[in-house]
Amino acid sequence: MTLAPFYAAPLFVKLHILSALLVVALTPFQFVGFRKGSPGHRLTGRLWLLAMIAVALTSLTISSRFRYSIAGFGLIHLLSLLTLASCYGAWQAARNHAVERHRQMLVGLTASFFLAGAFTFLPERIMHRIVAG
């Protein structure tokens, strides 16, 4: 393991990684750490949502290197836009006390986040270089 690829990365990539790590750290608290609706759940949820928004926004600054991209934007960037819309929808559902809709949206957001995150460990990606050295 080496942090050299992280240190060499552009600022927005560093912010993207740090925001994603915050989402990873806060996720267990949201699902099993606090009683739903408690002050701890709400505070951690707000931090989680802000971190998820930061992940999505910073991802828009990272160019796609895949064959099917236009001006540096690839299909993964559509997931970022969907994430931003879903964050807003989950927040609205919580504010309107639509508990089941809120839960469904956040389970979907979390699953999408971890699925997309798994792809960051493919060879030639920064996270792979950090972990594999």
N, C-alpha and C. Protein backbone atom coordinates (compact mmCIF):
# COMPACT_ATOMS: atom_id res chain seq x y z
N MET A 1 0.84 -1.18 0.00
CA MET A 1 0.00 0.00 0.00
C MET A 1 0.88 1.24 0.00
N THR A 2 0.51 2.20 -0.83
CA THR A 2 1.26 3.46 -0.90
C THR A 2 0.29 4.61 -1.15
N LEU A 3 0.55 5.71 -0.50
CA LEU A 3 -0.28 6.90 -0.70
C LEU A 3 0.27 7.83 -1.78
N ALA A 4 1.36 7.45 -2.41
CA ALA A 4 1.98 8.29 -3.44
C ALA A 4 1.00 8.66 -4.55
N PRO A 5 0.16 7.73 -5.07
CA PRO A 5 -0.79 8.12 -6.11
C PRO A 5 -1.81 9.15 -5.62
N PHE A 6 -2.18 9.05 -4.35
CA PHE A 6 -3.11 10.04 -3.77
C PHE A 6 -2.46 11.41 -3.73
N TYR A 7 -1.24 11.48 -3.24
CA TYR A 7 -0.53 12.76 -3.15
C TYR A 7 -0.27 13.38 -4.52
N ALA A 8 -0.09 12.55 -5.52
CA ALA A 8 0.19 13.04 -6.88
C ALA A 8 -1.08 13.43 -7.63
N ALA A 9 -2.23 13.06 -7.11
CA ALA A 9 -3.50 13.32 -7.81
C ALA A 9 -3.88 14.80 -7.75
N PRO A 10 -4.66 15.26 -8.73
CA PRO A 10 -5.16 16.64 -8.69
C PRO A 10 -6.07 16.87 -7.48
N LEU A 11 -6.25 18.12 -7.11
CA LEU A 11 -7.03 18.48 -5.92
C LEU A 11 -8.43 17.87 -5.93
N PHE A 12 -9.15 17.96 -7.04
CA PHE A 12 -10.52 17.46 -7.07
C PHE A 12 -10.58 15.94 -6.94
N VAL A 13 -9.56 15.25 -7.39
CA VAL A 13 -9.51 13.80 -7.20
C VAL A 13 -9.30 13.49 -5.72
N LYS A 14 -8.43 14.25 -5.07
CA LYS A 14 -8.22 14.08 -3.62
C LYS A 14 -9.52 14.34 -2.86
N LEU A 15 -10.22 15.41 -3.22
CA LEU A 15 -11.50 15.71 -2.56
C LEU A 15 -12.53 14.61 -2.82
N HIS A 16 -12.51 14.07 -4.01
CA HIS A 16 -13.41 12.98 -4.38
C HIS A 16 -13.13 11.76 -3.50
N ILE A 17 -11.88 11.40 -3.36
CA ILE A 17 -11.50 10.24 -2.55
C ILE A 17 -11.85 10.47 -1.08
N LEU A 18 -11.52 11.63 -0.56
CA LEU A 18 -11.80 11.91 0.85
C LEU A 18 -13.31 11.93 1.13
N SER A 19 -14.07 12.49 0.22
CA SER A 19 -15.53 12.50 0.38
C SER A 19 -16.09 11.08 0.35
N ALA A 20 -15.56 10.27 -0.56
CA ALA A 20 -16.01 8.87 -0.65
C ALA A 20 -15.66 8.11 0.62
N LEU A 21 -14.48 8.35 1.17
CA LEU A 21 -14.10 7.69 2.42
C LEU A 21 -15.00 8.11 3.57
N LEU A 22 -15.45 9.35 3.57
CA LEU A 22 -16.39 9.81 4.59
C LEU A 22 -17.73 9.09 4.44
N VAL A 23 -18.20 8.92 3.22
CA VAL A 23 -19.43 8.16 2.98
C VAL A 23 -19.27 6.73 3.52
N VAL A 24 -18.14 6.10 3.21
CA VAL A 24 -17.89 4.73 3.68
C VAL A 24 -17.90 4.69 5.21
N ALA A 25 -17.27 5.66 5.85
CA ALA A 25 -17.20 5.67 7.32
C ALA A 25 -18.56 5.91 7.97
N LEU A 26 -19.39 6.74 7.36
CA LEU A 26 -20.68 7.09 7.97
C LEU A 26 -21.79 6.08 7.68
N THR A 27 -21.65 5.30 6.62
CA THR A 27 -22.72 4.38 6.21
C THR A 27 -23.15 3.42 7.32
N PRO A 28 -22.23 2.77 8.03
CA PRO A 28 -22.70 1.85 9.08
C PRO A 28 -23.51 2.55 10.17
N PHE A 29 -23.16 3.78 10.49
CA PHE A 29 -23.91 4.51 11.51
C PHE A 29 -25.34 4.76 11.06
N GLN A 30 -25.52 5.01 9.78
CA GLN A 30 -26.86 5.29 9.27
C GLN A 30 -27.75 4.05 9.27
N PHE A 31 -27.17 2.91 8.96
CA PHE A 31 -27.99 1.72 8.82
C PHE A 31 -28.17 0.95 10.12
N VAL A 32 -27.17 0.94 11.00
CA VAL A 32 -27.29 0.17 12.23
C VAL A 32 -26.85 0.92 13.48
N GLY A 33 -26.27 2.07 13.33
CA GLY A 33 -25.70 2.77 14.48
C GLY A 33 -26.68 3.58 15.30
N PHE A 34 -27.69 4.13 14.67
CA PHE A 34 -28.63 5.00 15.36
C PHE A 34 -30.06 4.55 15.08
N ARG A 35 -30.93 4.79 16.04
CA ARG A 35 -32.34 4.54 15.82
C ARG A 35 -32.83 5.51 14.76
N LYS A 36 -33.60 5.01 13.82
CA LYS A 36 -34.10 5.85 12.72
C LYS A 36 -34.91 7.02 13.29
N GLY A 37 -34.59 8.20 12.80
CA GLY A 37 -35.28 9.41 13.23
C GLY A 37 -34.67 10.08 14.44
N SER A 38 -33.70 9.44 15.08
CA SER A 38 -33.07 10.02 16.27
C SER A 38 -32.19 11.20 15.86
N PRO A 39 -31.83 12.06 16.82
CA PRO A 39 -30.93 13.17 16.48
C PRO A 39 -29.60 12.70 15.88
N GLY A 40 -29.05 11.61 16.37
CA GLY A 40 -27.80 11.08 15.81
C GLY A 40 -27.97 10.64 14.37
N HIS A 41 -29.10 9.98 14.08
CA HIS A 41 -29.38 9.53 12.71
C HIS A 41 -29.52 10.74 11.78
N ARG A 42 -30.20 11.76 12.26
CA ARG A 42 -30.40 12.96 11.43
C ARG A 42 -29.09 13.69 11.17
N LEU A 43 -28.28 13.85 12.21
CA LEU A 43 -27.00 14.56 12.03
C LEU A 43 -26.07 13.78 11.12
N THR A 44 -25.93 12.49 11.39
CA THR A 44 -25.07 11.67 10.56
C THR A 44 -25.60 11.62 9.12
N GLY A 45 -26.93 11.60 8.98
CA GLY A 45 -27.54 11.58 7.66
C GLY A 45 -27.24 12.84 6.87
N ARG A 46 -27.26 13.96 7.54
CA ARG A 46 -26.93 15.22 6.86
C ARG A 46 -25.47 15.21 6.39
N LEU A 47 -24.58 14.76 7.27
CA LEU A 47 -23.16 14.67 6.89
C LEU A 47 -22.97 13.69 5.75
N TRP A 48 -23.66 12.54 5.81
CA TRP A 48 -23.57 11.52 4.76
C TRP A 48 -24.04 12.10 3.43
N LEU A 49 -25.17 12.80 3.47
CA LEU A 49 -25.72 13.37 2.24
C LEU A 49 -24.79 14.43 1.65
N LEU A 50 -24.22 15.28 2.50
CA LEU A 50 -23.27 16.28 2.00
C LEU A 50 -22.03 15.62 1.41
N ALA A 51 -21.55 14.56 2.04
CA ALA A 51 -20.40 13.84 1.50
C ALA A 51 -20.74 13.19 0.18
N MET A 52 -21.95 12.63 0.07
CA MET A 52 -22.37 11.99 -1.18
C MET A 52 -22.50 13.04 -2.29
N ILE A 53 -23.01 14.21 -1.97
CA ILE A 53 -23.11 15.29 -2.95
C ILE A 53 -21.70 15.71 -3.39
N ALA A 54 -20.77 15.79 -2.44
CA ALA A 54 -19.39 16.13 -2.77
C ALA A 54 -18.77 15.08 -3.69
N VAL A 55 -19.05 13.80 -3.43
CA VAL A 55 -18.54 12.73 -4.29
C VAL A 55 -19.06 12.92 -5.71
N ALA A 56 -20.36 13.17 -5.83
CA ALA A 56 -20.96 13.33 -7.16
C ALA A 56 -20.43 14.58 -7.88
N LEU A 57 -20.34 15.69 -7.17
CA LEU A 57 -19.87 16.92 -7.81
C LEU A 57 -18.40 16.83 -8.22
N THR A 58 -17.56 16.28 -7.34
CA THR A 58 -16.15 16.18 -7.69
C THR A 58 -15.94 15.17 -8.82
N SER A 59 -16.80 14.18 -8.93
CA SER A 59 -16.65 13.21 -10.03
C SER A 59 -16.85 13.87 -11.38
N LEU A 60 -17.62 14.94 -11.41
CA LEU A 60 -17.86 15.64 -12.67
C LEU A 60 -16.60 16.36 -13.17
N THR A 61 -15.61 16.53 -12.29
CA THR A 61 -14.36 17.18 -12.69
C THR A 61 -13.31 16.18 -13.16
N ILE A 62 -13.63 14.89 -13.04
CA ILE A 62 -12.69 13.84 -13.41
C ILE A 62 -13.04 13.35 -14.81
N SER A 63 -12.10 13.46 -15.73
CA SER A 63 -12.35 13.06 -17.12
C SER A 63 -12.45 11.56 -17.25
N SER A 64 -13.36 11.14 -18.12
CA SER A 64 -13.50 9.73 -18.43
C SER A 64 -12.47 9.35 -19.48
N ARG A 65 -11.86 8.19 -19.31
CA ARG A 65 -10.87 7.73 -20.27
C ARG A 65 -11.41 6.59 -21.12
N PHE A 66 -12.69 6.33 -21.00
CA PHE A 66 -13.27 5.22 -21.75
C PHE A 66 -13.56 5.63 -23.18
N ARG A 67 -13.65 4.65 -24.03
CA ARG A 67 -13.82 4.88 -25.46
C ARG A 67 -15.08 5.70 -25.76
N TYR A 68 -16.14 5.43 -25.03
CA TYR A 68 -17.41 6.10 -25.30
C TYR A 68 -17.59 7.29 -24.37
N SER A 69 -16.84 8.33 -24.64
CA SER A 69 -16.97 9.56 -23.85
C SER A 69 -16.96 10.75 -24.80
N ILE A 70 -17.60 11.81 -24.35
CA ILE A 70 -17.68 13.03 -25.13
C ILE A 70 -17.13 14.16 -24.27
N ALA A 71 -16.07 14.79 -24.74
CA ALA A 71 -15.44 15.91 -24.04
C ALA A 71 -15.07 15.54 -22.60
N GLY A 72 -14.65 14.29 -22.40
CA GLY A 72 -14.26 13.85 -21.06
C GLY A 72 -15.40 13.35 -20.20
N PHE A 73 -16.62 13.43 -20.70
CA PHE A 73 -17.78 12.94 -19.93
C PHE A 73 -18.21 11.60 -20.49
N GLY A 74 -18.29 10.62 -19.59
CA GLY A 74 -18.70 9.28 -19.98
C GLY A 74 -20.00 8.89 -19.30
N LEU A 75 -20.36 7.64 -19.47
CA LEU A 75 -21.60 7.15 -18.87
C LEU A 75 -21.59 7.23 -17.35
N ILE A 76 -20.43 7.11 -16.74
CA ILE A 76 -20.34 7.20 -15.29
C ILE A 76 -20.79 8.56 -14.78
N HIS A 77 -20.63 9.59 -15.61
CA HIS A 77 -21.06 10.92 -15.20
C HIS A 77 -22.58 11.03 -15.13
N LEU A 78 -23.28 10.19 -15.89
CA LEU A 78 -24.74 10.15 -15.78
C LEU A 78 -25.14 9.64 -14.40
N LEU A 79 -24.36 8.69 -13.86
CA LEU A 79 -24.62 8.21 -12.51
C LEU A 79 -24.44 9.33 -11.50
N SER A 80 -23.48 10.21 -11.74
CA SER A 80 -23.27 11.35 -10.84
C SER A 80 -24.48 12.27 -10.84
N LEU A 81 -25.03 12.52 -12.02
CA LEU A 81 -26.24 13.37 -12.10
C LEU A 81 -27.43 12.68 -11.44
N LEU A 82 -27.57 11.38 -11.64
CA LEU A 82 -28.63 10.63 -10.98
C LEU A 82 -28.45 10.65 -9.47
N THR A 83 -27.21 10.58 -9.02
CA THR A 83 -26.92 10.64 -7.58
C THR A 83 -27.36 11.97 -7.00
N LEU A 84 -27.06 13.05 -7.69
CA LEU A 84 -27.47 14.37 -7.19
C LEU A 84 -28.99 14.47 -7.11
N ALA A 85 -29.69 13.98 -8.12
CA ALA A 85 -31.15 14.01 -8.11
C ALA A 85 -31.69 13.12 -6.99
N SER A 86 -31.06 11.98 -6.79
CA SER A 86 -31.50 11.05 -5.74
C SER A 86 -31.25 11.62 -4.34
N CYS A 87 -30.15 12.32 -4.18
CA CYS A 87 -29.87 12.97 -2.89
C CYS A 87 -30.97 13.98 -2.56
N TYR A 88 -31.34 14.75 -3.56
CA TYR A 88 -32.42 15.72 -3.35
C TYR A 88 -33.74 15.00 -3.04
N GLY A 89 -34.03 13.95 -3.77
CA GLY A 89 -35.26 13.20 -3.54
C GLY A 89 -35.30 12.56 -2.17
N ALA A 90 -34.18 12.01 -1.72
CA ALA A 90 -34.12 11.39 -0.40
C ALA A 90 -34.30 12.44 0.70
N TRP A 91 -33.69 13.58 0.51
CA TRP A 91 -33.83 14.68 1.47
C TRP A 91 -35.28 15.15 1.54
N GLN A 92 -35.91 15.32 0.37
CA GLN A 92 -37.32 15.72 0.32
C GLN A 92 -38.21 14.68 0.98
N ALA A 93 -37.95 13.41 0.74
CA ALA A 93 -38.75 12.34 1.34
C ALA A 93 -38.64 12.38 2.86
N ALA A 94 -37.44 12.63 3.37
CA ALA A 94 -37.25 12.72 4.82
C ALA A 94 -38.01 13.92 5.38
N ARG A 95 -37.92 15.03 4.70
CA ARG A 95 -38.63 16.24 5.16
C ARG A 95 -40.13 16.07 5.16
N ASN A 96 -40.64 15.29 4.20
CA ASN A 96 -42.09 15.06 4.08
C ASN A 96 -42.54 13.83 4.87
N HIS A 97 -41.62 13.24 5.64
CA HIS A 97 -41.92 12.06 6.45
C HIS A 97 -42.40 10.88 5.61
N ALA A 98 -41.92 10.80 4.37
CA ALA A 98 -42.20 9.66 3.50
C ALA A 98 -41.10 8.63 3.77
N VAL A 99 -41.23 7.95 4.91
CA VAL A 99 -40.16 7.10 5.43
C VAL A 99 -39.78 5.99 4.45
N GLU A 100 -40.75 5.29 3.89
CA GLU A 100 -40.45 4.18 3.00
C GLU A 100 -39.74 4.66 1.73
N ARG A 101 -40.20 5.76 1.17
CA ARG A 101 -39.54 6.33 -0.02
C ARG A 101 -38.12 6.76 0.31
N HIS A 102 -37.94 7.40 1.47
CA HIS A 102 -36.62 7.83 1.93
C HIS A 102 -35.70 6.61 2.06
N ARG A 103 -36.19 5.56 2.70
CA ARG A 103 -35.40 4.35 2.89
C ARG A 103 -35.01 3.73 1.55
N GLN A 104 -35.97 3.60 0.65
CA GLN A 104 -35.69 3.00 -0.66
C GLN A 104 -34.65 3.80 -1.44
N MET A 105 -34.78 5.12 -1.41
CA MET A 105 -33.83 5.95 -2.16
C MET A 105 -32.42 5.82 -1.59
N LEU A 106 -32.31 5.79 -0.26
CA LEU A 106 -30.98 5.73 0.34
C LEU A 106 -30.36 4.34 0.23
N VAL A 107 -31.17 3.29 0.26
CA VAL A 107 -30.63 1.96 0.01
C VAL A 107 -30.11 1.89 -1.42
N GLY A 108 -30.85 2.45 -2.37
CA GLY A 108 -30.41 2.49 -3.77
C GLY A 108 -29.15 3.32 -3.95
N LEU A 109 -29.11 4.49 -3.30
CA LEU A 109 -27.92 5.34 -3.39
C LEU A 109 -26.70 4.63 -2.82
N THR A 110 -26.88 3.98 -1.69
CA THR A 110 -25.76 3.29 -1.04
C THR A 110 -25.26 2.13 -1.90
N ALA A 111 -26.18 1.34 -2.44
CA ALA A 111 -25.79 0.22 -3.30
C ALA A 111 -25.06 0.73 -4.54
N SER A 112 -25.57 1.80 -5.15
CA SER A 112 -24.92 2.38 -6.33
C SER A 112 -23.52 2.90 -5.99
N PHE A 113 -23.42 3.53 -4.84
CA PHE A 113 -22.13 4.07 -4.40
C PHE A 113 -21.09 2.96 -4.28
N PHE A 114 -21.46 1.88 -3.59
CA PHE A 114 -20.49 0.80 -3.37
C PHE A 114 -20.20 0.03 -4.66
N LEU A 115 -21.17 -0.07 -5.54
CA LEU A 115 -20.93 -0.72 -6.83
C LEU A 115 -19.95 0.11 -7.66
N ALA A 116 -20.20 1.41 -7.75
CA ALA A 116 -19.29 2.29 -8.48
C ALA A 116 -17.91 2.29 -7.81
N GLY A 117 -17.89 2.27 -6.49
CA GLY A 117 -16.62 2.26 -5.76
C GLY A 117 -15.81 1.01 -6.04
N ALA A 118 -16.48 -0.11 -6.25
CA ALA A 118 -15.77 -1.36 -6.55
C ALA A 118 -14.96 -1.22 -7.83
N PHE A 119 -15.47 -0.47 -8.80
CA PHE A 119 -14.76 -0.29 -10.06
C PHE A 119 -13.50 0.56 -9.92
N THR A 120 -13.38 1.31 -8.82
CA THR A 120 -12.18 2.12 -8.63
C THR A 120 -10.97 1.28 -8.28
N PHE A 121 -11.19 -0.01 -7.99
CA PHE A 121 -10.09 -0.90 -7.65
C PHE A 121 -9.60 -1.72 -8.85
N LEU A 122 -10.11 -1.39 -10.04
CA LEU A 122 -9.61 -2.04 -11.25
C LEU A 122 -8.18 -1.57 -11.53
N PRO A 123 -7.38 -2.42 -12.19
CA PRO A 123 -6.01 -1.99 -12.52
C PRO A 123 -6.01 -0.68 -13.30
N GLU A 124 -4.98 0.08 -13.11
CA GLU A 124 -4.77 1.39 -13.75
C GLU A 124 -5.62 2.50 -13.13
N ARG A 125 -6.37 2.21 -12.08
CA ARG A 125 -7.13 3.24 -11.37
C ARG A 125 -6.34 3.65 -10.13
N ILE A 126 -6.56 4.86 -9.64
CA ILE A 126 -5.79 5.36 -8.51
C ILE A 126 -5.97 4.50 -7.26
N MET A 127 -7.19 4.09 -6.95
CA MET A 127 -7.40 3.30 -5.75
C MET A 127 -6.68 1.95 -5.84
N HIS A 128 -6.63 1.38 -7.03
CA HIS A 128 -5.89 0.13 -7.20
C HIS A 128 -4.40 0.35 -6.93
N ARG A 129 -3.88 1.45 -7.45
CA ARG A 129 -2.45 1.75 -7.23
C ARG A 129 -2.16 2.04 -5.76
N ILE A 130 -3.12 2.67 -5.05
CA ILE A 130 -2.93 2.95 -3.63
C ILE A 130 -2.91 1.64 -2.85
N VAL A 131 -3.87 0.78 -3.10
CA VAL A 131 -4.00 -0.46 -2.32
C VAL A 131 -2.95 -1.49 -2.71
N ALA A 132 -2.74 -1.68 -4.02
CA ALA A 132 -1.82 -2.72 -4.49
C ALA A 132 -0.36 -2.26 -4.47
N GLY A 133 -0.17 -0.96 -4.35
CA GLY A 133 1.20 -0.45 -4.30
C GLY A 133 1.76 -0.36 -5.63
